[in-house]
């Protein structure tokens, strides 16, 4: 489902600011700032759709998945959809082990920080 362009731009700007400061942000914090109810499964899906669009922008502009810096509060790693997107975007092999997925994410975070810090 298509998301409003202004919401995608706002989300991208928020993530660029976090990346520029080399910080992670959890889904709840991000969703609160963009008006997505993290308690509602449909709203979380909308948040995921927004992050997909934001990643398309960051991949085009900087060749990185900016949503690498968005993590679950309890585990401090991204959710499963992040890794599915990495596979879809050709950045991660579908056959990657859990350890390989975590290594990919850690390296992608470093790439995101490098791409967005001045």
PDB file of N, CA and C in Angstrom:
ATOM      1  N   UNK A   1       0.847  -1.186   0.000  1.00  0.00           N
ATOM      2  CA  UNK A   1       0.000   0.000   0.000  1.00  0.00           C
ATOM      3  C   UNK A   1       0.890   1.246   0.000  1.00  0.00           C
ATOM      4  N   UNK A   2       0.545   2.180  -0.822  1.00  0.00           N
ATOM      5  CA  UNK A   2       1.328   3.401  -0.961  1.00  0.00           C
ATOM      6  C   UNK A   2       1.169   4.303   0.263  1.00  0.00           C
ATOM      7  N   UNK A   3       2.290   4.853   0.701  1.00  0.00           N
ATOM      8  CA  UNK A   3       2.289   5.743   1.864  1.00  0.00           C
ATOM      9  C   UNK A   3       2.467   7.186   1.390  1.00  0.00           C
ATOM     10  N   UNK A   4       1.932   8.137   2.151  1.00  0.00           N
ATOM     11  CA  UNK A   4       2.076   9.549   1.760  1.00  0.00           C
ATOM     12  C   UNK A   4       3.556   9.943   1.660  1.00  0.00           C
ATOM     13  N   UNK A   5       3.874  10.650   0.583  1.00  0.00           N
ATOM     14  CA  UNK A   5       5.252  11.065   0.326  1.00  0.00           C
ATOM     15  C   UNK A   5       5.816  11.883   1.492  1.00  0.00           C
ATOM     16  N   UNK A   6       5.009  12.748   2.069  1.00  0.00           N
ATOM     17  CA  UNK A   6       5.479  13.600   3.171  1.00  0.00           C
ATOM     18  C   UNK A   6       5.894  12.756   4.378  1.00  0.00           C
ATOM     19  N   UNK A   7       5.168  11.666   4.637  1.00  0.00           N
ATOM     20  CA  UNK A   7       5.495  10.781   5.752  1.00  0.00           C
ATOM     21  C   UNK A   7       6.798  10.024   5.476  1.00  0.00           C
ATOM     22  N   UNK A   8       6.985   9.613   4.254  1.00  0.00           N
ATOM     23  CA  UNK A   8       8.226   8.927   3.874  1.00  0.00           C
ATOM     24  C   UNK A   8       9.406   9.889   4.013  1.00  0.00           C
ATOM     25  N   UNK A   9       9.228  11.122   3.557  1.00  0.00           N
ATOM     26  CA  UNK A   9      10.298  12.125   3.667  1.00  0.00           C
ATOM     27  C   UNK A   9      10.609  12.449   5.126  1.00  0.00           C
ATOM     28  N   UNK A  10       9.580  12.556   5.962  1.00  0.00           N
ATOM     29  CA  UNK A  10       9.785  12.830   7.384  1.00  0.00           C
ATOM     30  C   UNK A  10      10.567  11.687   8.028  1.00  0.00           C
ATOM     31  N   UNK A  11      10.177  10.464   7.723  1.00  0.00           N
ATOM     32  CA  UNK A  11      10.853   9.296   8.282  1.00  0.00           C
ATOM     33  C   UNK A  11      12.308   9.261   7.830  1.00  0.00           C
ATOM     34  N   UNK A  12      12.530   9.512   6.561  1.00  0.00           N
ATOM     35  CA  UNK A  12      13.895   9.529   6.032  1.00  0.00           C
ATOM     36  C   UNK A  12      14.729  10.585   6.748  1.00  0.00           C
ATOM     37  N   UNK A  13      14.186  11.771   6.919  1.00  0.00           N
ATOM     38  CA  UNK A  13      14.910  12.850   7.605  1.00  0.00           C
ATOM     39  C   UNK A  13      15.255  12.471   9.043  1.00  0.00           C
ATOM     40  N   UNK A  14      14.314  11.855   9.743  1.00  0.00           N
ATOM     41  CA  UNK A  14      14.571  11.419  11.119  1.00  0.00           C
ATOM     42  C   UNK A  14      15.704  10.400  11.163  1.00  0.00           C
ATOM     43  N   UNK A  15      15.684   9.455  10.229  1.00  0.00           N
ATOM     44  CA  UNK A  15      16.718   8.424  10.217  1.00  0.00           C
ATOM     45  C   UNK A  15      18.071   8.986   9.795  1.00  0.00           C
ATOM     46  N   UNK A  16      18.075   9.929   8.867  1.00  0.00           N
ATOM     47  CA  UNK A  16      19.329  10.580   8.471  1.00  0.00           C
ATOM     48  C   UNK A  16      19.957  11.273   9.688  1.00  0.00           C
ATOM     49  N   UNK A  17      19.143  11.946  10.487  1.00  0.00           N
ATOM     50  CA  UNK A  17      19.645  12.629  11.681  1.00  0.00           C
ATOM     51  C   UNK A  17      20.223  11.634  12.683  1.00  0.00           C
ATOM     52  N   UNK A  18      19.547  10.515  12.873  1.00  0.00           N
ATOM     53  CA  UNK A  18      20.064   9.481  13.783  1.00  0.00           C
ATOM     54  C   UNK A  18      21.371   8.898  13.240  1.00  0.00           C
ATOM     55  N   UNK A  19      21.408   8.621  11.953  1.00  0.00           N
ATOM     56  CA  UNK A  19      22.609   8.045  11.329  1.00  0.00           C
ATOM     57  C   UNK A  19      23.786   9.013  11.411  1.00  0.00           C
ATOM     58  N   UNK A  20      23.511  10.287  11.223  1.00  0.00           N
ATOM     59  CA  UNK A  20      24.573  11.301  11.278  1.00  0.00           C
ATOM     60  C   UNK A  20      25.223  11.352  12.659  1.00  0.00           C
ATOM     61  N   UNK A  21      24.452  10.972  13.675  1.00  0.00           N
ATOM     62  CA  UNK A  21      24.961  10.931  15.043  1.00  0.00           C
ATOM     63  C   UNK A  21      25.362   9.518  15.469  1.00  0.00           C
ATOM     64  N   UNK A  22      25.369   8.606  14.496  1.00  0.00           N
ATOM     65  CA  UNK A  22      25.762   7.207  14.718  1.00  0.00           C
ATOM     66  C   UNK A  22      24.989   6.568  15.867  1.00  0.00           C
ATOM     67  N   UNK A  23      23.662   6.756  15.811  1.00  0.00           N
ATOM     68  CA  UNK A  23      22.786   6.199  16.842  1.00  0.00           C
ATOM     69  C   UNK A  23      21.814   5.197  16.236  1.00  0.00           C
ATOM     70  N   UNK A  24      21.408   4.237  17.069  1.00  0.00           N
ATOM     71  CA  UNK A  24      20.299   3.352  16.739  1.00  0.00           C
ATOM     72  C   UNK A  24      19.027   3.980  17.297  1.00  0.00           C
ATOM     73  N   UNK A  25      17.889   3.618  16.724  1.00  0.00           N
ATOM     74  CA  UNK A  25      16.588   4.049  17.237  1.00  0.00           C
ATOM     75  C   UNK A  25      15.698   2.816  17.231  1.00  0.00           C
ATOM     76  N   UNK A  26      14.868   2.657  18.262  1.00  0.00           N
ATOM     77  CA  UNK A  26      13.998   1.479  18.221  1.00  0.00           C
ATOM     78  C   UNK A  26      12.696   1.811  17.496  1.00  0.00           C
ATOM     79  N   UNK A  27      12.029   0.756  17.065  1.00  0.00           N
ATOM     80  CA  UNK A  27      10.797   0.928  16.278  1.00  0.00           C
ATOM     81  C   UNK A  27       9.790   1.793  17.019  1.00  0.00           C
ATOM     82  N   UNK A  28       9.620   1.549  18.321  1.00  0.00           N
ATOM     83  CA  UNK A  28       8.642   2.316  19.096  1.00  0.00           C
ATOM     84  C   UNK A  28       8.934   3.803  19.086  1.00  0.00           C
ATOM     85  N   UNK A  29      10.207   4.163  19.274  1.00  0.00           N
ATOM     86  CA  UNK A  29      10.595   5.583  19.253  1.00  0.00           C
ATOM     87  C   UNK A  29      10.325   6.198  17.887  1.00  0.00           C
ATOM     88  N   UNK A  30      10.730   5.498  16.835  1.00  0.00           N
ATOM     89  CA  UNK A  30      10.531   6.019  15.483  1.00  0.00           C
ATOM     90  C   UNK A  30       9.039   6.138  15.171  1.00  0.00           C
ATOM     91  N   UNK A  31       8.303   5.078  15.433  1.00  0.00           N
ATOM     92  CA  UNK A  31       6.885   5.082  15.091  1.00  0.00           C
ATOM     93  C   UNK A  31       6.130   6.169  15.841  1.00  0.00           C
ATOM     94  N   UNK A  32       6.505   6.417  17.087  1.00  0.00           N
ATOM     95  CA  UNK A  32       5.866   7.490  17.850  1.00  0.00           C
ATOM     96  C   UNK A  32       6.086   8.839  17.150  1.00  0.00           C
ATOM     97  N   UNK A  33       7.290   9.057  16.638  1.00  0.00           N
ATOM     98  CA  UNK A  33       7.611  10.322  15.981  1.00  0.00           C
ATOM     99  C   UNK A  33       6.902  10.504  14.642  1.00  0.00           C
ATOM    100  N   UNK A  34       6.535   9.392  13.996  1.00  0.00           N
ATOM    101  CA  UNK A  34       5.884   9.516  12.682  1.00  0.00           C
ATOM    102  C   UNK A  34       4.389   9.198  12.738  1.00  0.00           C
ATOM    103  N   UNK A  35       3.873   8.946  13.939  1.00  0.00           N
ATOM    104  CA  UNK A  35       2.435   8.742  14.091  1.00  0.00           C
ATOM    105  C   UNK A  35       1.944   7.351  13.734  1.00  0.00           C
ATOM    106  N   UNK A  36       2.774   6.335  13.980  1.00  0.00           N
ATOM    107  CA  UNK A  36       2.374   4.942  13.755  1.00  0.00           C
ATOM    108  C   UNK A  36       2.211   4.289  15.129  1.00  0.00           C
ATOM    109  N   UNK A  37       1.062   3.643  15.353  1.00  0.00           N
ATOM    110  CA  UNK A  37       0.776   2.993  16.633  1.00  0.00           C
ATOM    111  C   UNK A  37       1.447   1.620  16.670  1.00  0.00           C
ATOM    112  N   UNK A  38       2.523   1.511  17.435  1.00  0.00           N
ATOM    113  CA  UNK A  38       3.322   0.296  17.501  1.00  0.00           C
ATOM    114  C   UNK A  38       2.560  -0.881  18.130  1.00  0.00           C
ATOM    115  N   UNK A  39       1.444  -0.611  18.806  1.00  0.00           N
ATOM    116  CA  UNK A  39       0.671  -1.683  19.448  1.00  0.00           C
ATOM    117  C   UNK A  39      -0.288  -2.362  18.488  1.00  0.00           C
ATOM    118  N   UNK A  40      -0.586  -1.728  17.370  1.00  0.00           N
ATOM    119  CA  UNK A  40      -1.564  -2.230  16.403  1.00  0.00           C
ATOM    120  C   UNK A  40      -0.835  -2.939  15.254  1.00  0.00           C
ATOM    121  N   UNK A  41      -1.103  -4.242  15.039  1.00  0.00           N
ATOM    122  CA  UNK A  41      -0.420  -4.975  13.970  1.00  0.00           C
ATOM    123  C   UNK A  41      -0.558  -4.337  12.577  1.00  0.00           C
ATOM    124  N   UNK A  42      -1.728  -3.771  12.293  1.00  0.00           N
ATOM    125  CA  UNK A  42      -1.914  -3.114  10.984  1.00  0.00           C
ATOM    126  C   UNK A  42      -1.035  -1.875  10.877  1.00  0.00           C
ATOM    127  N   UNK A  43      -0.928  -1.152  11.974  1.00  0.00           N
ATOM    128  CA  UNK A  43      -0.083   0.038  11.992  1.00  0.00           C
ATOM    129  C   UNK A  43       1.396  -0.342  11.875  1.00  0.00           C
ATOM    130  N   UNK A  44       1.797  -1.438  12.539  1.00  0.00           N
ATOM    131  CA  UNK A  44       3.193  -1.895  12.412  1.00  0.00           C
ATOM    132  C   UNK A  44       3.494  -2.258  10.966  1.00  0.00           C
ATOM    133  N   UNK A  45       2.514  -2.847  10.286  1.00  0.00           N
ATOM    134  CA  UNK A  45       2.684  -3.172   8.868  1.00  0.00           C
ATOM    135  C   UNK A  45       2.865  -1.886   8.059  1.00  0.00           C
ATOM    136  N   UNK A  46       2.093  -0.862   8.414  1.00  0.00           N
ATOM    137  CA  UNK A  46       2.231   0.434   7.737  1.00  0.00           C
ATOM    138  C   UNK A  46       3.632   0.998   7.984  1.00  0.00           C
ATOM    139  N   UNK A  47       4.113   0.875   9.214  1.00  0.00           N
ATOM    140  CA  UNK A  47       5.469   1.317   9.531  1.00  0.00           C
ATOM    141  C   UNK A  47       6.504   0.582   8.702  1.00  0.00           C
ATOM    142  N   UNK A  48       6.299  -0.714   8.536  1.00  0.00           N
ATOM    143  CA  UNK A  48       7.194  -1.528   7.717  1.00  0.00           C
ATOM    144  C   UNK A  48       7.170  -1.063   6.265  1.00  0.00           C
ATOM    145  N   UNK A  49       5.991  -0.748   5.766  1.00  0.00           N
ATOM    146  CA  UNK A  49       5.863  -0.238   4.388  1.00  0.00           C
ATOM    147  C   UNK A  49       6.609   1.089   4.233  1.00  0.00           C
ATOM    148  N   UNK A  50       6.513   1.942   5.231  1.00  0.00           N
ATOM    149  CA  UNK A  50       7.213   3.234   5.205  1.00  0.00           C
ATOM    150  C   UNK A  50       8.723   2.989   5.177  1.00  0.00           C
ATOM    151  N   UNK A  51       9.195   2.081   6.030  1.00  0.00           N
ATOM    152  CA  UNK A  51      10.631   1.786   6.063  1.00  0.00           C
ATOM    153  C   UNK A  51      11.115   1.181   4.746  1.00  0.00           C
ATOM    154  N   UNK A  52      10.273   0.397   4.093  1.00  0.00           N
ATOM    155  CA  UNK A  52      10.636  -0.150   2.778  1.00  0.00           C
ATOM    156  C   UNK A  52      10.881   0.986   1.791  1.00  0.00           C
ATOM    157  N   UNK A  53       9.973   1.962   1.780  1.00  0.00           N
ATOM    158  CA  UNK A  53      10.119   3.102   0.865  1.00  0.00           C
ATOM    159  C   UNK A  53      11.345   3.946   1.211  1.00  0.00           C
ATOM    160  N   UNK A  54      11.599   4.125   2.495  1.00  0.00           N
ATOM    161  CA  UNK A  54      12.766   4.890   2.939  1.00  0.00           C
ATOM    162  C   UNK A  54      14.045   4.179   2.500  1.00  0.00           C
ATOM    163  N   UNK A  55      14.061   2.852   2.617  1.00  0.00           N
ATOM    164  CA  UNK A  55      15.227   2.092   2.161  1.00  0.00           C
ATOM    165  C   UNK A  55      15.461   2.254   0.664  1.00  0.00           C
ATOM    166  N   UNK A  56      14.400   2.298  -0.099  1.00  0.00           N
ATOM    167  CA  UNK A  56      14.560   2.488  -1.554  1.00  0.00           C
ATOM    168  C   UNK A  56      15.270   3.808  -1.843  1.00  0.00           C
ATOM    169  N   UNK A  57      14.936   4.839  -1.072  1.00  0.00           N
ATOM    170  CA  UNK A  57      15.590   6.146  -1.239  1.00  0.00           C
ATOM    171  C   UNK A  57      17.069   6.043  -0.859  1.00  0.00           C
ATOM    172  N   UNK A  58      17.349   5.452   0.305  1.00  0.00           N
ATOM    173  CA  UNK A  58      18.738   5.397   0.764  1.00  0.00           C
ATOM    174  C   UNK A  58      19.588   4.485  -0.119  1.00  0.00           C
ATOM    175  N   UNK A  59      18.993   3.444  -0.656  1.00  0.00           N
ATOM    176  CA  UNK A  59      19.736   2.571  -1.573  1.00  0.00           C
ATOM    177  C   UNK A  59      20.083   3.319  -2.858  1.00  0.00           C
ATOM    178  N   UNK A  60      19.126   4.096  -3.350  1.00  0.00           N
ATOM    179  CA  UNK A  60      19.360   4.869  -4.580  1.00  0.00           C
ATOM    180  C   UNK A  60      20.404   5.956  -4.345  1.00  0.00           C
ATOM    181  N   UNK A  61      20.315   6.651  -3.214  1.00  0.00           N
ATOM    182  CA  UNK A  61      21.206   7.782  -2.949  1.00  0.00           C
ATOM    183  C   UNK A  61      22.572   7.380  -2.410  1.00  0.00           C
ATOM    184  N   UNK A  62      22.614   6.367  -1.531  1.00  0.00           N
ATOM    185  CA  UNK A  62      23.858   6.055  -0.812  1.00  0.00           C
ATOM    186  C   UNK A  62      24.255   4.579  -0.861  1.00  0.00           C
ATOM    187  N   UNK A  63      23.430   3.743  -1.509  1.00  0.00           N
ATOM    188  CA  UNK A  63      23.669   2.301  -1.590  1.00  0.00           C
ATOM    189  C   UNK A  63      23.740   1.634  -0.213  1.00  0.00           C
ATOM    190  N   UNK A  64      22.926   2.100   0.714  1.00  0.00           N
ATOM    191  CA  UNK A  64      22.825   1.488   2.039  1.00  0.00           C
ATOM    192  C   UNK A  64      21.354   1.386   2.445  1.00  0.00           C
ATOM    193  N   UNK A  65      21.086   0.450   3.344  1.00  0.00           N
ATOM    194  CA  UNK A  65      19.743   0.306   3.910  1.00  0.00           C
ATOM    195  C   UNK A  65      19.695   1.103   5.204  1.00  0.00           C
ATOM    196  N   UNK A  66      19.141   2.305   5.133  1.00  0.00           N
ATOM    197  CA  UNK A  66      19.123   3.181   6.300  1.00  0.00           C
ATOM    198  C   UNK A  66      18.321   2.596   7.464  1.00  0.00           C
ATOM    199  N   UNK A  67      17.393   1.706   7.190  1.00  0.00           N
ATOM    200  CA  UNK A  67      16.623   1.117   8.294  1.00  0.00           C
ATOM    201  C   UNK A  67      17.465   0.145   9.113  1.00  0.00           C
ATOM    202  N   UNK A  68      18.722  -0.035   8.751  1.00  0.00           N
ATOM    203  CA  UNK A  68      19.631  -0.857   9.568  1.00  0.00           C
ATOM    204  C   UNK A  68      19.719  -0.323  10.988  1.00  0.00           C
ATOM    205  N   UNK A  69      19.510   0.972  11.141  1.00  0.00           N
ATOM    206  CA  UNK A  69      19.659   1.588  12.463  1.00  0.00           C
ATOM    207  C   UNK A  69      18.365   1.552  13.275  1.00  0.00           C
ATOM    208  N   UNK A  70      17.314   0.927  12.738  1.00  0.00           N
ATOM    209  CA  UNK A  70      16.042   0.792  13.458  1.00  0.00           C
ATOM    210  C   UNK A  70      15.978  -0.625  14.027  1.00  0.00           C
ATOM    211  N   UNK A  71      15.873  -0.712  15.354  1.00  0.00           N
ATOM    212  CA  UNK A  71      15.975  -2.006  16.028  1.00  0.00           C
ATOM    213  C   UNK A  71      14.814  -2.243  16.990  1.00  0.00           C
ATOM    214  N   UNK A  72      14.633  -3.507  17.348  1.00  0.00           N
ATOM    215  CA  UNK A  72      13.653  -3.857  18.379  1.00  0.00           C
ATOM    216  C   UNK A  72      14.222  -3.451  19.733  1.00  0.00           C
ATOM    217  N   UNK A  73      13.368  -2.958  20.603  1.00  0.00           N
ATOM    218  CA  UNK A  73      13.821  -2.490  21.909  1.00  0.00           C
ATOM    219  C   UNK A  73      14.435  -3.618  22.732  1.00  0.00           C
ATOM    220  N   UNK A  74      13.832  -4.808  22.666  1.00  0.00           N
ATOM    221  CA  UNK A  74      14.303  -5.895  23.530  1.00  0.00           C
ATOM    222  C   UNK A  74      15.589  -6.556  23.034  1.00  0.00           C
ATOM    223  N   UNK A  75      15.735  -6.727  21.726  1.00  0.00           N
ATOM    224  CA  UNK A  75      16.908  -7.436  21.197  1.00  0.00           C
ATOM    225  C   UNK A  75      18.007  -6.513  20.688  1.00  0.00           C
ATOM    226  N   UNK A  76      17.650  -5.259  20.392  1.00  0.00           N
ATOM    227  CA  UNK A  76      18.581  -4.282  19.806  1.00  0.00           C
ATOM    228  C   UNK A  76      19.103  -4.720  18.442  1.00  0.00           C
ATOM    229  N   UNK A  77      18.288  -5.522  17.724  1.00  0.00           N
ATOM    230  CA  UNK A  77      18.563  -5.844  16.325  1.00  0.00           C
ATOM    231  C   UNK A  77      17.264  -5.624  15.540  1.00  0.00           C
ATOM    232  N   UNK A  78      17.370  -5.456  14.219  1.00  0.00           N
ATOM    233  CA  UNK A  78      16.153  -5.240  13.431  1.00  0.00           C
ATOM    234  C   UNK A  78      15.233  -6.462  13.440  1.00  0.00           C
ATOM    235  N   UNK A  79      13.989  -6.214  13.055  1.00  0.00           N
ATOM    236  CA  UNK A  79      13.011  -7.285  12.944  1.00  0.00           C
ATOM    237  C   UNK A  79      13.231  -8.120  11.685  1.00  0.00           C
ATOM    238  N   UNK A  80      12.480  -9.188  11.578  1.00  0.00           N
ATOM    239  CA  UNK A  80      12.610 -10.120  10.459  1.00  0.00           C
ATOM    240  C   UNK A  80      12.393  -9.489   9.095  1.00  0.00           C
ATOM    241  N   UNK A  81      11.507  -8.510   9.026  1.00  0.00           N
ATOM    242  CA  UNK A  81      11.227  -7.861   7.737  1.00  0.00           C
ATOM    243  C   UNK A  81      12.474  -7.172   7.187  1.00  0.00           C
ATOM    244  N   UNK A  82      13.322  -6.652   8.067  1.00  0.00           N
ATOM    245  CA  UNK A  82      14.575  -6.017   7.631  1.00  0.00           C
ATOM    246  C   UNK A  82      15.416  -7.015   6.834  1.00  0.00           C
ATOM    247  N   UNK A  83      15.559  -8.214   7.379  1.00  0.00           N
ATOM    248  CA  UNK A  83      16.377  -9.219   6.710  1.00  0.00           C
ATOM    249  C   UNK A  83      15.712  -9.706   5.419  1.00  0.00           C
ATOM    250  N   UNK A  84      14.390  -9.786   5.415  1.00  0.00           N
ATOM    251  CA  UNK A  84      13.659 -10.137   4.186  1.00  0.00           C
ATOM    252  C   UNK A  84      13.905  -9.094   3.099  1.00  0.00           C
ATOM    253  N   UNK A  85      13.883  -7.830   3.486  1.00  0.00           N
ATOM    254  CA  UNK A  85      14.155  -6.753   2.529  1.00  0.00           C
ATOM    255  C   UNK A  85      15.592  -6.814   2.014  1.00  0.00           C
ATOM    256  N   UNK A  86      16.533  -7.111   2.907  1.00  0.00           N
ATOM    257  CA  UNK A  86      17.935  -7.220   2.498  1.00  0.00           C
ATOM    258  C   UNK A  86      18.086  -8.312   1.438  1.00  0.00           C
ATOM    259  N   UNK A  87      17.357  -9.402   1.604  1.00  0.00           N
ATOM    260  CA  UNK A  87      17.367 -10.485   0.608  1.00  0.00           C
ATOM    261  C   UNK A  87      16.713  -9.990  -0.681  1.00  0.00           C
ATOM    262  N   UNK A  88      15.555  -9.361  -0.556  1.00  0.00           N
ATOM    263  CA  UNK A  88      14.823  -8.842  -1.722  1.00  0.00           C
ATOM    264  C   UNK A  88      15.670  -7.841  -2.517  1.00  0.00           C
ATOM    265  N   UNK A  89      16.429  -6.998  -1.809  1.00  0.00           N
ATOM    266  CA  UNK A  89      17.267  -5.986  -2.459  1.00  0.00           C
ATOM    267  C   UNK A  89      18.602  -6.546  -2.946  1.00  0.00           C
ATOM    268  N   UNK A  90      18.835  -7.861  -2.743  1.00  0.00           N
ATOM    269  CA  UNK A  90      20.049  -8.494  -3.230  1.00  0.00           C
ATOM    270  C   UNK A  90      21.288  -8.201  -2.400  1.00  0.00           C
ATOM    271  N   UNK A  91      21.092  -7.804  -1.163  1.00  0.00           N
ATOM    272  CA  UNK A  91      22.228  -7.481  -0.289  1.00  0.00           C
ATOM    273  C   UNK A  91      22.589  -8.631   0.648  1.00  0.00           C
ATOM    274  N   UNK A  92      21.706  -9.594   0.771  1.00  0.00           N
ATOM    275  CA  UNK A  92      21.909 -10.720   1.680  1.00  0.00           C
ATOM    276  C   UNK A  92      21.389 -11.986   1.008  1.00  0.00           C
ATOM    277  N   UNK A  93      22.136 -13.068   1.140  1.00  0.00           N
ATOM    278  CA  UNK A  93      21.690 -14.339   0.573  1.00  0.00           C
ATOM    279  C   UNK A  93      20.556 -14.920   1.406  1.00  0.00           C
ATOM    280  N   UNK A  94      19.585 -15.503   0.726  1.00  0.00           N
ATOM    281  CA  UNK A  94      18.454 -16.112   1.423  1.00  0.00           C
ATOM    282  C   UNK A  94      18.923 -17.236   2.336  1.00  0.00           C
ATOM    283  N   UNK A  95      19.992 -17.907   1.941  1.00  0.00           N
ATOM    284  CA  UNK A  95      20.517 -19.031   2.710  1.00  0.00           C
ATOM    285  C   UNK A  95      21.401 -18.609   3.890  1.00  0.00           C
ATOM    286  N   UNK A  96      21.559 -17.306   4.115  1.00  0.00           N
ATOM    287  CA  UNK A  96      22.424 -16.811   5.193  1.00  0.00           C
ATOM    288  C   UNK A  96      21.980 -17.359   6.546  1.00  0.00           C
ATOM    289  N   UNK A  97      22.955 -17.787   7.327  1.00  0.00           N
ATOM    290  CA  UNK A  97      22.675 -18.272   8.684  1.00  0.00           C
ATOM    291  C   UNK A  97      22.327 -17.086   9.587  1.00  0.00           C
ATOM    292  N   UNK A  98      21.861 -17.382  10.778  1.00  0.00           N
ATOM    293  CA  UNK A  98      21.543 -16.319  11.735  1.00  0.00           C
ATOM    294  C   UNK A  98      22.794 -15.473  12.010  1.00  0.00           C
ATOM    295  N   UNK A  99      23.923 -16.141  12.183  1.00  0.00           N
ATOM    296  CA  UNK A  99      25.183 -15.433  12.442  1.00  0.00           C
ATOM    297  C   UNK A  99      25.561 -14.535  11.256  1.00  0.00           C
ATOM    298  N   UNK A 100      25.391 -15.030  10.041  1.00  0.00           N
ATOM    299  CA  UNK A 100      25.694 -14.234   8.845  1.00  0.00           C
ATOM    300  C   UNK A 100      24.749 -13.038   8.724  1.00  0.00           C
ATOM    301  N   UNK A 101      23.502 -13.237   9.098  1.00  0.00           N
ATOM    302  CA  UNK A 101      22.536 -12.134   9.058  1.00  0.00           C
ATOM    303  C   UNK A 101      22.943 -11.031  10.036  1.00  0.00           C
ATOM    304  N   UNK A 102      23.354 -11.420  11.238  1.00  0.00           N
ATOM    305  CA  UNK A 102      23.770 -10.440  12.250  1.00  0.00           C
ATOM    306  C   UNK A 102      25.036  -9.721  11.781  1.00  0.00           C
ATOM    307  N   UNK A 103      25.977 -10.464  11.213  1.00  0.00           N
ATOM    308  CA  UNK A 103      27.212  -9.840  10.684  1.00  0.00           C
ATOM    309  C   UNK A 103      26.880  -8.856   9.570  1.00  0.00           C
ATOM    310  N   UNK A 104      25.972  -9.248   8.666  1.00  0.00           N
ATOM    311  CA  UNK A 104      25.551  -8.349   7.594  1.00  0.00           C
ATOM    312  C   UNK A 104      24.974  -7.067   8.193  1.00  0.00           C
ATOM    313  N   UNK A 105      24.067  -7.223   9.167  1.00  0.00           N
ATOM    314  CA  UNK A 105      23.425  -6.058   9.773  1.00  0.00           C
ATOM    315  C   UNK A 105      24.464  -5.142  10.426  1.00  0.00           C
ATOM    316  N   UNK A 106      25.400  -5.718  11.175  1.00  0.00           N
ATOM    317  CA  UNK A 106      26.419  -4.901  11.840  1.00  0.00           C
ATOM    318  C   UNK A 106      27.257  -4.129  10.820  1.00  0.00           C
ATOM    319  N   UNK A 107      27.630  -4.784   9.733  1.00  0.00           N
ATOM    320  CA  UNK A 107      28.419  -4.120   8.693  1.00  0.00           C
ATOM    321  C   UNK A 107      27.595  -3.052   7.973  1.00  0.00           C
ATOM    322  N   UNK A 108      26.314  -3.351   7.749  1.00  0.00           N
ATOM    323  CA  UNK A 108      25.450  -2.366   7.077  1.00  0.00           C
ATOM    324  C   UNK A 108      25.253  -1.134   7.963  1.00  0.00           C
ATOM    325  N   UNK A 109      25.168  -1.325   9.283  1.00  0.00           N
ATOM    326  CA  UNK A 109      25.089  -0.175  10.200  1.00  0.00           C
ATOM    327  C   UNK A 109      26.316   0.707  10.029  1.00  0.00           C
ATOM    328  N   UNK A 110      27.480   0.097   9.976  1.00  0.00           N
ATOM    329  CA  UNK A 110      28.720   0.864   9.793  1.00  0.00           C
ATOM    330  C   UNK A 110      28.684   1.633   8.471  1.00  0.00           C
ATOM    331  N   UNK A 111      28.175   0.988   7.425  1.00  0.00           N
ATOM    332  CA  UNK A 111      28.079   1.635   6.119  1.00  0.00           C
ATOM    333  C   UNK A 111      27.085   2.799   6.151  1.00  0.00           C
ATOM    334  N   UNK A 112      25.979   2.608   6.870  1.00  0.00           N
ATOM    335  CA  UNK A 112      24.978   3.678   7.010  1.00  0.00           C
ATOM    336  C   UNK A 112      25.616   4.868   7.722  1.00  0.00           C
ATOM    337  N   UNK A 113      26.280   4.622   8.831  1.00  0.00           N
ATOM    338  CA  UNK A 113      26.918   5.722   9.571  1.00  0.00           C
ATOM    339  C   UNK A 113      27.929   6.443   8.695  1.00  0.00           C
ATOM    340  N   UNK A 114      28.751   5.689   7.971  1.00  0.00           N
ATOM    341  CA  UNK A 114      29.761   6.305   7.096  1.00  0.00           C
ATOM    342  C   UNK A 114      29.101   7.140   5.996  1.00  0.00           C
ATOM    343  N   UNK A 115      27.978   6.662   5.492  1.00  0.00           N
ATOM    344  CA  UNK A 115      27.299   7.358   4.385  1.00  0.00           C
ATOM    345  C   UNK A 115      26.645   8.665   4.835  1.00  0.00           C
ATOM    346  N   UNK A 116      26.237   8.733   6.086  1.00  0.00           N
ATOM    347  CA  UNK A 116      25.459   9.891   6.536  1.00  0.00           C
ATOM    348  C   UNK A 116      26.169  10.798   7.528  1.00  0.00           C
ATOM    349  N   UNK A 117      27.392  10.458   7.950  1.00  0.00           N
ATOM    350  CA  UNK A 117      28.138  11.378   8.807  1.00  0.00           C
ATOM    351  C   UNK A 117      28.974  12.288   7.928  1.00  0.00           C
ATOM    352  N   UNK A 118      29.098  13.502   8.354  1.00  0.00           N
ATOM    353  CA  UNK A 118      29.820  14.498   7.556  1.00  0.00           C
ATOM    354  C   UNK A 118      31.306  14.433   7.854  1.00  0.00           C
TER     355      UNK A 118
END
